[in-house]
Amino acid sequence: MGKRYGTTYRNERVFSFSDSTASLMWNRACDKADVGIKDKRTNRRIHHIHSLRKFFRTKIGLDLDVTYALMGHAEYLDDCYLRLEEEGEIAAAYLEAMPNVSVYGVENQG
């Protein structure tokens, strides 16, 4: 966990908002798009926030080790065997692949 500043934490997150805020944003977007459907049996949303993780893993188009690292997955031997390149190289790879997973982006219609 990052250093505590007031009621928030400063850490190395890509996005500086909480999980619950991300879930709220996703649910509102689904509702606005008329896909905020709930399963009648479970009363849970069909398109839930975890769907974004599955979408990311499937569509990002990067090496699996880099993809798993970006997702926060770690296997017990990763510290011993996994040597990801410098942080800047990983960030550059993500920036290049980011259009593959953009949800709130605008497509170039030109």
Protein backbone atom coordinates (compact mmCIF):
# COMPACT_ATOMS: atom_id res chain seq x y z
CA MET A 1 0.00 0.00 0.00
CA GLY A 2 1.19 3.52 -0.70
CA LYS A 3 1.88 6.37 1.68
CA ARG A 4 -1.16 7.76 3.42
CA TYR A 5 -2.12 11.35 2.60
CA GLY A 6 -5.25 12.52 4.42
CA THR A 7 -8.01 10.08 3.59
CA THR A 8 -6.41 8.78 0.39
CA TYR A 9 -3.33 6.77 -0.48
CA ARG A 10 -0.63 7.81 -2.91
CA ASN A 11 0.52 4.72 -4.73
CA GLU A 12 1.64 3.57 -8.14
CA ARG A 13 -1.79 2.89 -9.62
CA VAL A 14 -2.35 3.58 -13.29
CA PHE A 15 -5.73 5.09 -12.46
CA SER A 16 -6.03 7.12 -9.30
CA PHE A 17 -9.49 6.06 -8.19
CA SER A 18 -10.81 3.24 -6.05
CA ASP A 19 -12.26 -0.08 -7.15
CA SER A 20 -15.72 1.00 -6.05
CA THR A 21 -15.48 4.18 -8.14
CA ALA A 22 -14.43 2.14 -11.18
CA SER A 23 -17.35 -0.21 -10.60
CA LEU A 24 -19.76 2.71 -10.30
CA MET A 25 -18.42 4.25 -13.53
CA TRP A 26 -18.76 0.92 -15.34
CA ASN A 27 -22.30 0.31 -14.06
CA ARG A 28 -23.41 3.80 -15.09
CA ALA A 29 -21.88 3.37 -18.55
CA CYS A 30 -23.68 0.03 -18.95
CA ASP A 31 -26.96 1.58 -17.80
CA LYS A 32 -26.60 4.49 -20.26
CA ALA A 33 -25.90 2.01 -23.07
CA ASP A 34 -28.97 -0.04 -22.07
CA VAL A 35 -26.85 -3.11 -21.33
CA GLY A 36 -27.09 -2.85 -17.52
CA ILE A 37 -29.02 -6.11 -17.49
CA LYS A 38 -29.29 -8.30 -14.41
CA ASP A 39 -29.57 -12.07 -14.40
CA LYS A 40 -33.10 -12.92 -13.25
CA ARG A 41 -31.95 -15.90 -11.21
CA THR A 42 -29.01 -14.29 -9.36
CA ASN A 43 -29.96 -10.59 -9.60
CA ARG A 44 -26.32 -9.85 -10.54
CA ARG A 45 -25.26 -7.79 -13.51
CA ILE A 46 -24.45 -9.75 -16.66
CA HIS A 47 -21.77 -7.22 -17.67
CA HIS A 48 -19.80 -6.70 -14.48
CA ILE A 49 -16.52 -4.93 -13.76
CA HIS A 50 -14.56 -8.19 -13.83
CA SER A 51 -15.56 -8.50 -17.49
CA LEU A 52 -13.07 -5.72 -18.16
CA ARG A 53 -10.20 -7.87 -16.85
CA LYS A 54 -11.22 -10.70 -19.17
CA PHE A 55 -11.55 -8.24 -22.06
CA PHE A 56 -8.11 -6.75 -21.26
CA ARG A 57 -6.39 -10.15 -21.14
CA THR A 58 -8.00 -11.26 -24.39
CA LYS A 59 -7.57 -8.08 -26.43
CA ILE A 60 -4.40 -6.31 -25.23
CA GLY A 61 -2.16 -8.22 -27.65
CA LEU A 62 0.99 -8.19 -25.50
CA ASP A 63 3.25 -10.98 -24.30
CA LEU A 64 1.50 -13.02 -21.59
CA ASP A 65 4.12 -12.21 -18.94
CA VAL A 66 3.67 -8.48 -19.54
CA THR A 67 -0.12 -8.87 -19.68
CA TYR A 68 -0.20 -10.74 -16.37
CA ALA A 69 2.11 -8.20 -14.75
CA LEU A 70 -0.16 -5.35 -15.90
CA MET A 71 -3.16 -7.20 -14.51
CA GLY A 72 -1.47 -7.66 -11.15
CA HIS A 73 -1.20 -11.43 -11.46
CA ALA A 74 1.88 -12.96 -9.90
CA GLU A 75 2.89 -16.58 -9.73
CA TYR A 76 4.96 -17.82 -6.83
CA LEU A 77 8.16 -18.14 -8.92
CA ASP A 78 7.80 -14.89 -10.87
CA ASP A 79 10.33 -13.12 -8.64
CA CYS A 80 12.91 -15.77 -9.50
CA TYR A 81 12.27 -16.33 -13.19
CA LEU A 82 10.40 -13.36 -14.59
CA ARG A 83 12.62 -10.46 -15.62
CA LEU A 84 10.52 -7.78 -17.22
CA GLU A 85 12.44 -5.06 -19.00
CA GLU A 86 12.75 -1.55 -17.68
CA GLU A 87 9.54 0.12 -16.57
CA GLY A 88 9.68 2.54 -19.51
CA GLU A 89 9.68 -0.29 -22.03
CA ILE A 90 6.62 -1.89 -20.45
CA ALA A 91 4.85 1.47 -20.40
CA ALA A 92 5.73 2.04 -24.07
CA ALA A 93 4.37 -1.40 -25.00
CA TYR A 94 1.14 -0.68 -23.12
CA LEU A 95 0.75 2.74 -24.78
CA GLU A 96 1.13 1.13 -28.20
CA ALA A 97 -1.43 -1.58 -27.37
CA MET A 98 -3.83 0.73 -25.48
CA PRO A 99 -6.19 1.25 -28.46
CA ASN A 100 -6.89 -2.50 -28.33
CA VAL A 101 -8.55 -2.12 -24.93
CA SER A 102 -9.88 1.43 -24.88
CA VAL A 103 -13.46 1.60 -23.65
CA TYR A 104 -14.03 5.35 -23.40
CA GLY A 105 -12.06 6.18 -26.54
CA VAL A 106 -13.31 7.72 -29.77
CA GLU A 107 -12.62 5.89 -33.00
CA ASN A 108 -11.00 7.76 -35.86
CA GLN A 109 -13.75 8.07 -38.46
CA GLY A 110 -11.42 9.57 -41.10
